[in-house]
N, C-alpha and C. Protein backbone atom coordinates (compact mmCIF):
# COMPACT_ATOMS: atom_id res chain seq x y z
N GLY A 1 0.91 -1.35 -0.16
CA GLY A 1 -0.03 0.14 0.19
C GLY A 1 0.66 1.29 0.06
N CYS A 2 0.02 2.24 0.03
CA CYS A 2 0.82 3.51 -0.28
C CYS A 2 0.30 4.35 1.39
N ALA A 3 1.39 5.06 1.96
CA ALA A 3 0.88 6.15 2.64
C ALA A 3 1.09 7.39 2.27
N TYR A 4 0.34 8.28 2.62
CA TYR A 4 0.31 9.75 2.40
C TYR A 4 0.57 10.61 3.83
N ARG A 5 1.64 11.46 3.71
CA ARG A 5 1.94 12.21 4.91
C ARG A 5 1.09 13.28 4.95
N HIS A 6 0.74 13.88 6.48
CA HIS A 6 -0.15 14.72 6.28
C HIS A 6 0.27 16.22 5.82
N HIS A 7 -0.06 17.12 5.31
CA HIS A 7 0.54 18.35 5.29
C HIS A 7 0.99 18.81 6.49
N PRO A 8 2.07 19.67 6.61
CA PRO A 8 2.38 20.03 7.88
C PRO A 8 1.26 21.02 8.48
N VAL A 9 0.70 21.86 7.81
CA VAL A 9 -0.47 22.66 8.34
C VAL A 9 -1.44 21.84 9.39
N MET A 10 -1.76 20.68 8.73
CA MET A 10 -2.72 19.89 9.37
C MET A 10 -2.10 19.42 10.74
N LEU A 11 -0.72 19.22 10.93
CA LEU A 11 -0.20 18.78 12.21
C LEU A 11 -0.15 19.79 13.05
N ALA A 12 -0.26 21.06 12.55
CA ALA A 12 0.21 22.53 13.54
C ALA A 12 -1.19 22.69 13.91
N VAL A 13 -2.38 22.06 13.79
CA VAL A 13 -3.81 22.18 14.39
C VAL A 13 -3.76 21.05 15.91
N PRO A 14 -4.05 21.99 16.74
CA PRO A 14 -4.06 21.33 18.14
C PRO A 14 -5.03 20.22 18.04
N ALA A 15 -4.54 18.95 18.41
CA ALA A 15 -5.28 17.56 18.77
C ALA A 15 -5.97 17.96 20.40
N ASP A 16 -7.25 17.38 20.19
CA ASP A 16 -8.09 17.32 21.46
C ASP A 16 -9.21 16.47 21.86
N VAL A 17 -9.56 16.35 23.06
CA VAL A 17 -10.68 15.38 23.27
C VAL A 17 -11.81 16.31 23.87
N TYR A 18 -12.94 15.78 23.22
CA TYR A 18 -14.23 16.68 23.63
C TYR A 18 -15.21 15.68 23.88
N ALA A 19 -16.16 16.27 24.81
CA ALA A 19 -17.31 15.40 25.21
C ALA A 19 -18.04 15.17 23.93
N PHE A 20 -18.65 13.83 23.88
CA PHE A 20 -19.29 13.15 22.84
C PHE A 20 -20.86 13.69 22.90
N ASP A 21 -21.54 14.28 21.86
CA ASP A 21 -22.89 14.51 21.89
C ASP A 21 -23.30 13.56 20.65
N PRO A 22 -23.98 12.85 21.10
CA PRO A 22 -24.81 12.03 19.60
C PRO A 22 -25.33 12.89 18.54
N LYS A 23 -25.75 14.14 18.61
CA LYS A 23 -26.64 14.94 18.00
C LYS A 23 -25.46 15.56 16.84
N TYR A 24 -24.33 15.69 17.41
CA TYR A 24 -23.18 16.61 16.57
C TYR A 24 -21.95 15.49 16.31
N ILE A 25 -21.40 15.87 15.29
CA ILE A 25 -20.18 15.36 14.94
C ILE A 25 -19.23 16.32 15.32
N THR A 26 -18.08 15.84 15.93
CA THR A 26 -17.11 17.00 16.38
C THR A 26 -16.07 16.73 15.17
N GLU A 27 -15.63 17.84 14.71
CA GLU A 27 -14.19 17.80 13.57
C GLU A 27 -13.02 18.12 14.52
N TRP A 28 -11.97 17.92 13.60
CA TRP A 28 -10.74 17.99 13.72
C TRP A 28 -10.16 19.21 14.82
N ASN A 29 -10.69 20.34 14.27
CA ASN A 29 -10.75 21.76 14.71
C ASN A 29 -11.60 22.14 15.86
N GLY A 30 -12.43 21.39 16.29
CA GLY A 30 -13.27 21.53 17.49
C GLY A 30 -14.80 21.91 17.00
N LEU A 31 -14.94 22.31 15.99
CA LEU A 31 -16.21 22.33 15.35
C LEU A 31 -17.43 21.43 15.54
N ARG A 32 -18.35 21.59 16.01
CA ARG A 32 -19.43 20.90 16.39
C ARG A 32 -20.71 20.99 15.26
N VAL A 33 -21.04 20.07 14.40
CA VAL A 33 -21.92 20.05 13.35
C VAL A 33 -23.00 19.14 13.31
N PRO A 34 -24.17 19.35 13.37
CA PRO A 34 -25.69 18.45 13.42
C PRO A 34 -25.05 17.25 12.57
N ALA A 35 -25.12 15.79 13.14
CA ALA A 35 -24.76 14.81 12.11
C ALA A 35 -25.79 14.63 11.03
N ALA A 36 -26.95 14.91 11.30
CA ALA A 36 -28.05 14.83 10.23
C ALA A 36 -27.76 15.51 8.85
N TYR A 37 -26.64 16.59 8.88
CA TYR A 37 -26.27 17.45 7.69
C TYR A 37 -25.71 16.68 6.92
N ASP A 38 -24.79 16.01 7.01
CA ASP A 38 -23.77 15.41 6.00
C ASP A 38 -24.06 13.56 6.11
N CYS A 39 -24.87 13.16 7.09
CA CYS A 39 -24.87 11.97 7.52
C CYS A 39 -25.93 11.22 6.86
N ASP A 40 -26.08 10.62 5.86
CA ASP A 40 -27.73 10.00 5.43
C ASP A 40 -27.91 8.62 6.37
N ILE A 41 -26.92 8.19 6.95
CA ILE A 41 -27.25 7.16 8.02
C ILE A 41 -28.14 7.35 9.01
N PHE A 42 -28.10 8.87 9.39
CA PHE A 42 -29.04 9.33 10.59
C PHE A 42 -30.38 10.05 9.98
N ASN A 43 -30.46 9.85 8.65
CA ASN A 43 -31.73 10.35 8.01
C ASN A 43 -32.40 9.38 7.15
N GLY A 44 -32.37 8.10 7.72
CA GLY A 44 -33.18 7.10 7.15
C GLY A 44 -32.67 6.71 5.62
N GLY A 45 -31.36 7.05 5.52
CA GLY A 45 -30.80 6.67 4.28
C GLY A 45 -31.02 7.83 3.03
N LYS A 46 -31.52 9.03 3.38
CA LYS A 46 -32.06 10.29 2.80
C LYS A 46 -30.71 11.39 2.99
N HIS A 47 -30.52 12.01 1.72
CA HIS A 47 -29.37 12.88 2.34
C HIS A 47 -30.38 14.24 2.66
N TRP A 48 -29.62 14.97 3.28
CA TRP A 48 -29.99 16.41 3.51
C TRP A 48 -29.78 17.52 2.49
N GLY A 49 -30.96 18.05 2.04
CA GLY A 49 -30.16 19.22 0.77
C GLY A 49 -30.16 18.44 -0.65
N PRO A 50 -29.82 18.96 -1.84
CA PRO A 50 -29.59 18.36 -3.04
C PRO A 50 -28.11 18.06 -3.21
N PHE A 51 -27.49 17.54 -2.10
CA PHE A 51 -26.01 17.31 -2.59
C PHE A 51 -25.98 15.93 -1.57
N PHE A 52 -25.01 14.94 -2.40
CA PHE A 52 -24.72 13.88 -2.22
C PHE A 52 -23.31 13.49 -1.20
N TYR A 53 -23.04 14.50 -0.40
CA TYR A 53 -21.77 14.50 0.26
C TYR A 53 -21.38 13.33 1.13
N PHE A 54 -22.38 12.45 1.40
CA PHE A 54 -22.21 11.35 2.44
C PHE A 54 -21.51 10.21 1.46
N TYR A 55 -22.06 10.23 0.26
CA TYR A 55 -21.39 9.33 -0.72
C TYR A 55 -20.16 9.73 -1.54
N GLU A 56 -20.02 11.33 -1.55
CA GLU A 56 -18.94 11.59 -2.42
C GLU A 56 -17.75 11.98 -1.73
N VAL A 57 -17.84 12.60 -0.64
CA VAL A 57 -16.84 12.75 0.16
C VAL A 57 -16.28 11.87 1.19
N GLN A 58 -15.11 11.26 1.12
CA GLN A 58 -14.54 10.23 1.97
C GLN A 58 -14.48 10.54 3.50
N THR A 59 -13.76 11.65 3.47
CA THR A 59 -14.00 12.36 4.88
C THR A 59 -15.11 12.18 5.65
N ARG A 60 -16.31 12.82 5.00
CA ARG A 60 -17.54 12.85 5.45
C ARG A 60 -18.14 11.57 5.71
N TRP A 61 -18.15 10.58 5.03
CA TRP A 61 -18.67 9.33 5.28
C TRP A 61 -17.81 8.39 6.19
N TYR A 62 -16.61 8.58 6.47
CA TYR A 62 -16.01 8.13 7.39
C TYR A 62 -16.30 8.71 8.73
N ALA A 63 -16.31 9.91 8.85
CA ALA A 63 -16.70 10.44 10.04
C ALA A 63 -18.05 10.11 10.65
N CYS A 64 -19.04 10.22 9.38
CA CYS A 64 -20.46 9.60 10.02
C CYS A 64 -20.51 8.44 10.63
N TRP A 65 -19.52 7.40 9.80
CA TRP A 65 -19.73 5.92 10.42
C TRP A 65 -18.98 6.18 11.71
N GLN A 66 -17.80 6.60 11.90
CA GLN A 66 -17.08 6.88 13.22
C GLN A 66 -18.20 7.31 14.49
N HIS A 67 -18.74 8.43 14.02
CA HIS A 67 -19.72 8.65 15.12
C HIS A 67 -20.80 7.64 15.22
N HIS A 68 -21.15 6.98 14.45
CA HIS A 68 -22.44 5.91 14.46
C HIS A 68 -21.57 4.89 15.57
N ALA A 69 -20.40 4.54 15.52
CA ALA A 69 -19.66 3.77 16.10
C ALA A 69 -19.31 4.20 17.71
N ASN A 70 -19.46 5.48 17.60
CA ASN A 70 -19.27 6.21 19.03
C ASN A 70 -20.49 6.16 19.73
N ILE A 71 -22.10 6.06 19.12
CA ILE A 71 -23.22 6.09 19.62
C ILE A 71 -23.46 4.94 20.09
N LYS A 72 -23.18 3.87 19.14
CA LYS A 72 -23.25 2.18 19.68
C LYS A 72 -22.65 1.60 20.55
N SER A 73 -21.09 2.53 20.80
CA SER A 73 -20.21 2.06 21.93
C SER A 73 -20.41 3.05 23.15
N GLY A 74 -21.28 3.84 23.08
CA GLY A 74 -21.59 4.58 24.41
C GLY A 74 -20.49 5.54 24.79
N ASN A 75 -19.80 5.88 24.05
CA ASN A 75 -18.50 6.78 24.45
C ASN A 75 -19.21 7.87 24.90
N THR A 76 -18.45 8.83 25.70
CA THR A 76 -18.63 9.91 26.37
C THR A 76 -17.45 10.80 26.00
N LEU A 77 -16.37 10.46 25.42
CA LEU A 77 -15.58 11.41 24.89
C LEU A 77 -15.28 10.97 23.36
N VAL A 78 -14.76 11.79 22.88
CA VAL A 78 -14.22 11.68 21.37
C VAL A 78 -13.00 12.46 20.89
N GLN A 79 -12.17 11.92 20.16
CA GLN A 79 -10.97 12.48 19.76
C GLN A 79 -11.01 12.50 18.33
N PRO A 80 -11.43 13.67 17.45
CA PRO A 80 -11.65 13.60 16.20
C PRO A 80 -10.41 13.18 15.31
N GLN A 81 -10.49 12.56 13.98
CA GLN A 81 -9.46 12.24 13.49
C GLN A 81 -9.18 13.40 12.62
N LEU A 82 -7.95 13.65 11.84
CA LEU A 82 -7.50 14.32 10.86
C LEU A 82 -8.26 14.05 9.39
N PRO A 83 -8.49 14.99 8.85
CA PRO A 83 -9.49 14.52 7.48
C PRO A 83 -8.57 13.70 6.82
N LEU A 84 -9.17 12.73 5.95
CA LEU A 84 -8.74 12.08 5.11
C LEU A 84 -8.01 12.49 3.62
N VAL A 85 -7.35 12.27 3.22
CA VAL A 85 -6.63 12.91 1.78
C VAL A 85 -7.80 12.52 0.58
N ASP A 86 -8.59 13.32 0.63
CA ASP A 86 -9.79 13.29 -0.32
C ASP A 86 -9.77 14.76 -0.99
N ASP A 87 -11.10 14.80 -1.99
CA ASP A 87 -10.90 16.12 -2.62
C ASP A 87 -11.34 17.20 -1.86
N GLU A 88 -11.73 17.28 -0.61
CA GLU A 88 -11.92 18.48 0.27
C GLU A 88 -10.61 18.59 1.06
N TYR A 89 -9.60 17.57 0.74
CA TYR A 89 -8.19 17.98 1.73
C TYR A 89 -7.45 19.30 1.35
N ASN A 90 -7.49 19.67 -0.06
CA ASN A 90 -6.55 20.79 -0.23
C ASN A 90 -7.30 22.01 0.09
N GLU A 91 -8.76 21.92 0.30
CA GLU A 91 -9.59 23.29 0.86
C GLU A 91 -9.11 23.22 2.38
N HIS A 92 -9.09 22.01 3.01
CA HIS A 92 -8.88 22.20 4.44
C HIS A 92 -7.57 22.79 4.71
N THR A 93 -6.79 22.43 3.77
CA THR A 93 -5.06 22.70 3.97
C THR A 93 -5.19 24.35 3.74
N ALA A 94 -5.97 24.58 2.78
CA ALA A 94 -5.59 26.29 2.60
C ALA A 94 -6.59 27.17 3.42
N LEU A 95 -7.50 26.25 4.04
CA LEU A 95 -8.26 27.05 4.95
C LEU A 95 -7.26 27.33 6.25
N TYR A 96 -6.92 26.26 6.80
CA TYR A 96 -6.19 26.27 8.05
C TYR A 96 -4.75 27.11 7.87
N GLN A 97 -4.13 27.08 6.78
CA GLN A 97 -2.72 27.93 6.56
C GLN A 97 -3.49 29.28 6.51
N SER A 98 -4.72 29.75 5.93
CA SER A 98 -5.11 31.21 6.03
C SER A 98 -5.46 31.67 7.55
N VAL A 99 -5.87 30.70 8.29
CA VAL A 99 -5.96 31.32 9.82
C VAL A 99 -4.76 31.05 10.39
N LEU A 100 -3.82 30.11 10.30
CA LEU A 100 -2.41 29.90 11.21
C LEU A 100 -1.64 31.31 10.44
N ARG A 101 -1.87 31.75 9.33
CA ARG A 101 -1.01 32.80 8.87
C ARG A 101 -1.58 34.22 9.07
N SER A 102 -2.89 34.44 9.59
CA SER A 102 -3.38 35.57 9.63
C SER A 102 -2.91 36.19 10.61
N ARG A 103 -3.11 37.72 10.48
CA ARG A 103 -2.30 38.65 11.34
C ARG A 103 -2.93 38.73 12.83
N ARG A 104 -2.11 38.88 13.78
CA ARG A 104 -2.42 39.37 14.92
C ARG A 104 -2.72 40.42 15.66
N ASP A 105 -2.70 41.33 14.73
CA ASP A 105 -3.08 42.62 14.96
C ASP A 105 -4.43 43.08 14.32
N GLN A 106 -4.99 42.04 13.67
CA GLN A 106 -6.41 42.64 13.14
C GLN A 106 -7.31 41.33 13.06
N THR A 107 -8.69 41.79 13.07
CA THR A 107 -9.69 40.83 13.01
C THR A 107 -9.86 39.78 11.91
N PHE A 108 -9.96 38.58 12.26
CA PHE A 108 -9.95 37.73 11.04
C PHE A 108 -11.31 37.78 10.50
N VAL A 109 -11.26 37.73 9.02
CA VAL A 109 -12.43 37.90 8.42
C VAL A 109 -12.47 36.93 7.22
N ALA A 110 -13.54 36.43 7.29
CA ALA A 110 -13.69 35.24 5.95
C ALA A 110 -15.17 35.17 5.48
N ALA A 111 -15.45 34.89 4.15
CA ALA A 111 -16.46 35.03 3.42
C ALA A 111 -16.73 33.74 2.85
N GLU A 112 -18.09 33.30 2.73
CA GLU A 112 -18.10 31.94 2.00
C GLU A 112 -19.51 32.03 1.20
N PHE A 113 -19.22 31.88 -0.24
CA PHE A 113 -20.35 31.96 -1.30
C PHE A 113 -21.25 30.64 -1.29
N GLY A 114 -22.46 30.22 -1.41
CA GLY A 114 -22.87 29.36 -1.59
C GLY A 114 -22.63 28.64 -0.07
N ALA A 115 -22.92 28.90 0.85
CA ALA A 115 -22.31 28.37 2.35
C ALA A 115 -23.16 27.12 2.81
N ARG A 116 -23.96 26.77 2.17
CA ARG A 116 -24.49 25.45 2.91
C ARG A 116 -24.69 25.72 4.25
N TRP A 117 -24.26 25.12 5.31
CA TRP A 117 -24.53 25.07 6.43
C TRP A 117 -23.26 26.23 7.19
N GLY A 118 -22.62 26.45 6.33
CA GLY A 118 -21.56 27.43 6.62
C GLY A 118 -20.22 26.74 6.82
N THR A 119 -20.05 25.71 5.85
CA THR A 119 -19.08 24.83 5.92
C THR A 119 -17.73 25.13 6.40
N TRP A 120 -17.21 26.06 5.40
CA TRP A 120 -15.78 26.40 5.34
C TRP A 120 -15.47 27.70 6.60
N GLY A 121 -16.66 28.61 6.39
CA GLY A 121 -16.25 29.95 6.99
C GLY A 121 -16.39 29.25 8.87
N SER A 122 -17.35 28.36 9.06
CA SER A 122 -17.35 27.99 10.33
C SER A 122 -16.15 27.08 10.73
N ARG A 123 -15.51 26.32 9.93
CA ARG A 123 -14.33 25.52 10.10
C ARG A 123 -13.25 26.36 10.32
N ALA A 124 -13.21 27.65 9.62
CA ALA A 124 -11.89 28.68 9.84
C ALA A 124 -12.05 29.27 11.15
N ALA A 125 -13.33 29.63 11.56
CA ALA A 125 -13.77 30.42 12.92
C ALA A 125 -13.34 29.29 13.99
N ALA A 126 -13.55 27.93 13.85
CA ALA A 126 -13.37 27.21 14.97
C ALA A 126 -12.07 26.96 15.23
N LEU A 127 -11.37 27.04 14.02
CA LEU A 127 -9.82 26.99 14.31
C LEU A 127 -9.17 28.07 14.84
N PHE A 128 -9.74 29.00 14.17
CA PHE A 128 -9.32 30.58 14.74
C PHE A 128 -9.37 30.94 16.23
N ARG A 129 -10.69 30.21 16.77
CA ARG A 129 -10.87 30.39 18.24
C ARG A 129 -9.87 29.75 18.99
N ARG A 130 -9.29 28.71 18.39
CA ARG A 130 -8.44 27.58 19.20
C ARG A 130 -7.19 27.95 19.48
N VAL A 131 -6.83 28.72 18.32
CA VAL A 131 -5.27 29.40 18.13
C VAL A 131 -5.14 30.80 18.37
N ARG A 132 -6.27 31.64 18.53
CA ARG A 132 -6.10 32.93 18.94
C ARG A 132 -7.25 33.11 19.67
N GLN A 133 -7.48 32.82 20.90
CA GLN A 133 -8.59 32.80 21.72
C GLN A 133 -9.02 34.22 22.12
N GLN A 134 -8.22 35.28 21.98
CA GLN A 134 -8.37 36.58 22.62
C GLN A 134 -8.67 37.64 21.38
N GLN A 135 -8.63 36.77 20.19
CA GLN A 135 -8.73 37.91 19.21
C GLN A 135 -10.18 37.68 18.21
N ASP A 136 -10.63 38.82 17.68
CA ASP A 136 -11.98 38.93 17.19
C ASP A 136 -11.95 38.18 15.83
N PHE A 137 -13.27 37.78 15.49
CA PHE A 137 -13.04 37.22 14.16
C PHE A 137 -14.37 37.47 13.29
N ARG A 138 -14.98 37.50 12.14
CA ARG A 138 -16.13 38.07 11.44
C ARG A 138 -16.10 37.24 10.45
N LEU A 139 -17.41 36.43 10.18
CA LEU A 139 -17.69 35.81 9.06
C LEU A 139 -19.08 36.25 8.54
N HIS A 140 -18.69 36.19 7.25
CA HIS A 140 -19.96 36.51 6.19
C HIS A 140 -20.31 35.33 5.16
N PHE A 141 -21.57 34.99 5.16
CA PHE A 141 -22.26 33.94 4.71
C PHE A 141 -23.39 34.34 3.50
N ILE A 142 -23.12 33.85 2.39
CA ILE A 142 -24.11 33.89 1.15
C ILE A 142 -24.49 32.90 0.94
N GLU A 143 -25.75 33.00 1.00
CA GLU A 143 -26.68 31.60 0.54
C GLU A 143 -28.09 31.66 0.26
N SER A 144 -28.48 31.12 -0.87
CA SER A 144 -30.06 31.43 -1.02
C SER A 144 -30.83 30.69 -0.92
N ALA A 145 -30.64 29.24 -0.31
CA ALA A 145 -31.52 28.43 -0.08
C ALA A 145 -32.04 28.64 1.48
N ARG A 146 -33.25 28.93 1.83
CA ARG A 146 -33.74 29.18 3.23
C ARG A 146 -33.11 28.06 4.16
N VAL A 147 -33.29 26.51 3.67
CA VAL A 147 -32.88 25.58 4.46
C VAL A 147 -31.53 25.69 4.95
N TYR A 148 -30.90 26.11 4.14
CA TYR A 148 -29.15 26.40 4.38
C TYR A 148 -29.17 27.55 5.36
N CYS A 149 -29.69 28.44 4.95
CA CYS A 149 -29.72 29.62 5.68
C CYS A 149 -30.09 29.22 7.26
N ASP A 150 -31.13 28.66 7.47
CA ASP A 150 -31.08 27.94 8.81
C ASP A 150 -30.37 27.57 9.50
N ALA A 151 -29.49 26.62 8.70
CA ALA A 151 -28.66 25.73 9.15
C ALA A 151 -27.37 26.37 9.53
N ILE A 152 -27.32 27.54 8.85
CA ILE A 152 -26.09 28.30 9.35
C ILE A 152 -26.18 28.81 10.76
N HIS A 153 -27.62 29.20 10.96
CA HIS A 153 -27.76 29.55 12.51
C HIS A 153 -27.62 28.55 13.45
N VAL A 154 -28.01 27.27 13.22
CA VAL A 154 -27.68 26.00 13.92
C VAL A 154 -26.50 26.11 14.10
N VAL A 155 -25.50 25.83 13.29
CA VAL A 155 -24.39 25.62 13.41
C VAL A 155 -23.46 26.62 14.41
N MET A 156 -23.88 28.13 13.86
CA MET A 156 -23.16 29.25 14.58
C MET A 156 -23.73 29.11 15.95
N GLU A 157 -24.87 28.78 16.36
CA GLU A 157 -25.48 28.55 17.88
C GLU A 157 -24.85 27.34 18.49
N ALA A 158 -24.65 26.46 17.92
CA ALA A 158 -23.98 25.10 18.29
C ALA A 158 -22.82 25.46 18.92
N ASN A 159 -21.94 26.40 18.24
CA ASN A 159 -20.36 26.69 18.29
C ASN A 159 -20.30 27.87 19.13
N GLY A 160 -21.52 28.46 19.69
CA GLY A 160 -20.87 29.74 20.32
C GLY A 160 -20.75 31.04 19.66
N MET A 161 -20.88 31.16 18.28
CA MET A 161 -20.44 32.08 17.30
C MET A 161 -21.67 33.05 17.04
N ASN A 162 -22.44 33.18 17.83
CA ASN A 162 -23.67 34.22 17.39
C ASN A 162 -22.85 35.57 17.80
N GLY A 163 -22.92 36.51 16.99
CA GLY A 163 -22.68 37.90 16.90
C GLY A 163 -21.19 38.12 16.24
N HIS A 164 -20.90 36.78 15.56
CA HIS A 164 -19.79 36.82 14.76
C HIS A 164 -19.82 36.65 13.27
N TYR A 165 -21.23 36.70 12.94
CA TYR A 165 -21.50 36.43 11.71
C TYR A 165 -22.56 37.13 10.96
N THR A 166 -22.72 37.51 9.72
CA THR A 166 -23.85 38.05 8.80
C THR A 166 -24.03 36.99 7.59
């Protein structure tokens, strides 16, 4: 077989252990996302919204089944895994680099167009809060589908990011 080394920026993201909540998948950066958003296995085999992320993105499929195993095992703690090297890996890498390279004397600002549940903006903010706890951030989401706009509010609330986004 072949082994791929993680990009150095991935290894700069601090690993942590979190309280397990069966309603939320906790990502590597500490972000909590409702499991039903990307895990068809928690929606009676149906996808949430018009996209098939559960079947198309290996990291999400893997995280969903890992979450399912944690539920079945009765785990009370979870240590999220680094993302798999898949079609979203480059996006994760670029996003984490932008957070880690951001200026310490300025507010961190991110914008996401076609935001869905605020996937990339909320990932940036979750990591930013972990590495720059005293620094402010602002997120701007552009999304046309009402169901996704509502989901952005759910994700922001679940992660204590109210007041930091428009």
